[in-house]
Protein backbone atom coordinates (compact mmCIF):
# COMPACT_ATOMS: atom_id res chain seq x y z
CA MET A 1 0.12 0.22 0.15
CA ARG A 2 0.99 3.13 -0.61
CA ILE A 3 0.26 6.67 1.33
CA THR A 4 0.98 10.30 1.44
CA ALA A 5 2.57 11.54 4.83
CA SER A 6 -0.13 13.28 5.77
CA LYS A 7 -2.51 10.14 5.64
CA LEU A 8 -0.22 8.19 7.86
CA ARG A 9 -0.64 10.93 10.12
CA GLU A 10 -4.33 10.83 10.29
CA ASN A 11 -3.91 7.30 10.53
CA ILE A 12 -0.82 6.40 12.02
CA TYR A 13 -2.01 3.43 15.19
CA LYS A 14 -4.70 2.48 12.32
CA ILE A 15 -2.17 1.97 9.26
CA LEU A 16 0.26 0.59 12.23
CA ASP A 17 -1.81 -2.10 13.78
CA GLN A 18 -2.71 -3.13 9.98
CA VAL A 19 0.69 -3.40 9.10
CA LEU A 20 1.26 -6.01 12.06
CA GLU A 21 -1.54 -7.67 11.43
CA THR A 22 -1.18 -8.37 7.80
CA GLY A 23 2.88 -8.65 7.33
CA ILE A 24 2.16 -6.01 4.46
CA ALA A 25 4.32 -2.75 3.99
CA VAL A 26 3.39 0.32 3.62
CA GLU A 27 5.27 2.52 1.54
CA VAL A 28 4.95 6.63 2.41
CA GLU A 29 5.88 9.11 0.12
CA ARG A 30 7.66 12.15 1.38
CA LYS A 31 9.36 14.80 -0.64
CA GLY A 32 9.61 13.11 -3.39
CA ARG A 33 10.73 10.19 -1.72
CA THR A 34 9.74 6.65 -0.43
CA LEU A 35 9.99 5.42 3.00
CA ARG A 36 8.60 1.91 4.13
CA ILE A 37 7.23 0.77 7.47
CA VAL A 38 7.42 -3.11 7.48
CA ALA A 39 7.33 -5.28 10.37
CA GLU A 40 10.20 -6.95 11.50
CA ARG A 41 10.30 -11.19 12.18
CA PRO A 42 10.41 -12.56 15.08
CA SER A 43 13.68 -14.93 14.64
CA SER A 44 13.54 -17.90 16.49
CA LYS A 45 16.04 -19.20 19.58
CA LEU A 46 17.48 -22.09 17.51
CA SER A 47 18.33 -19.39 14.71
CA ARG A 48 20.20 -16.92 17.31
CA LEU A 49 22.17 -19.49 18.27
CA GLU A 50 25.95 -20.07 18.28
CA LYS A 51 27.41 -22.85 16.54
CA ARG A 52 29.90 -24.81 18.76
CA ARG A 53 32.27 -28.05 18.24
CA PHE A 54 32.80 -29.61 21.68
CA LEU A 55 33.08 -33.48 20.42
CA ASN A 56 36.11 -34.74 20.21
CA CYS A 57 34.41 -38.24 18.61
CA GLY A 58 31.78 -39.01 15.66
CA PRO A 59 28.58 -39.65 16.53
CA ASP A 60 28.41 -42.97 16.27
CA GLU A 61 31.10 -43.50 18.99
CA ILE A 62 28.16 -41.27 21.80
CA VAL A 63 25.33 -43.52 20.51
CA HIS A 64 26.97 -46.55 21.47
CA CYS A 65 28.50 -45.47 24.39
CA ASP A 66 27.60 -47.27 28.20
CA TRP A 67 26.57 -44.76 30.59
CA SER A 68 25.63 -47.55 32.54
CA GLY A 69 28.32 -46.78 34.89
CA GLU A 70 27.20 -42.68 34.93
CA TRP A 71 23.79 -43.29 36.43
CA ARG A 72 22.45 -42.80 39.86
CA PRO A 73 19.37 -43.02 40.65
């Protein structure tokens, strides 16, 4: 959707809520240039994790490892 700055000023909260609900960006024309109002997509917790290397063996060795000596009821 493309609107003028005056139209944005008249209905700013309604337009912002609409962007949040629909995810559709709004383009605002101001002094011959275009600005975009876009809802930021929250990133998932998994995507923010740092990749780490901490195993000193292959995954097959872990699967077949006997942990019965470490387990305590």
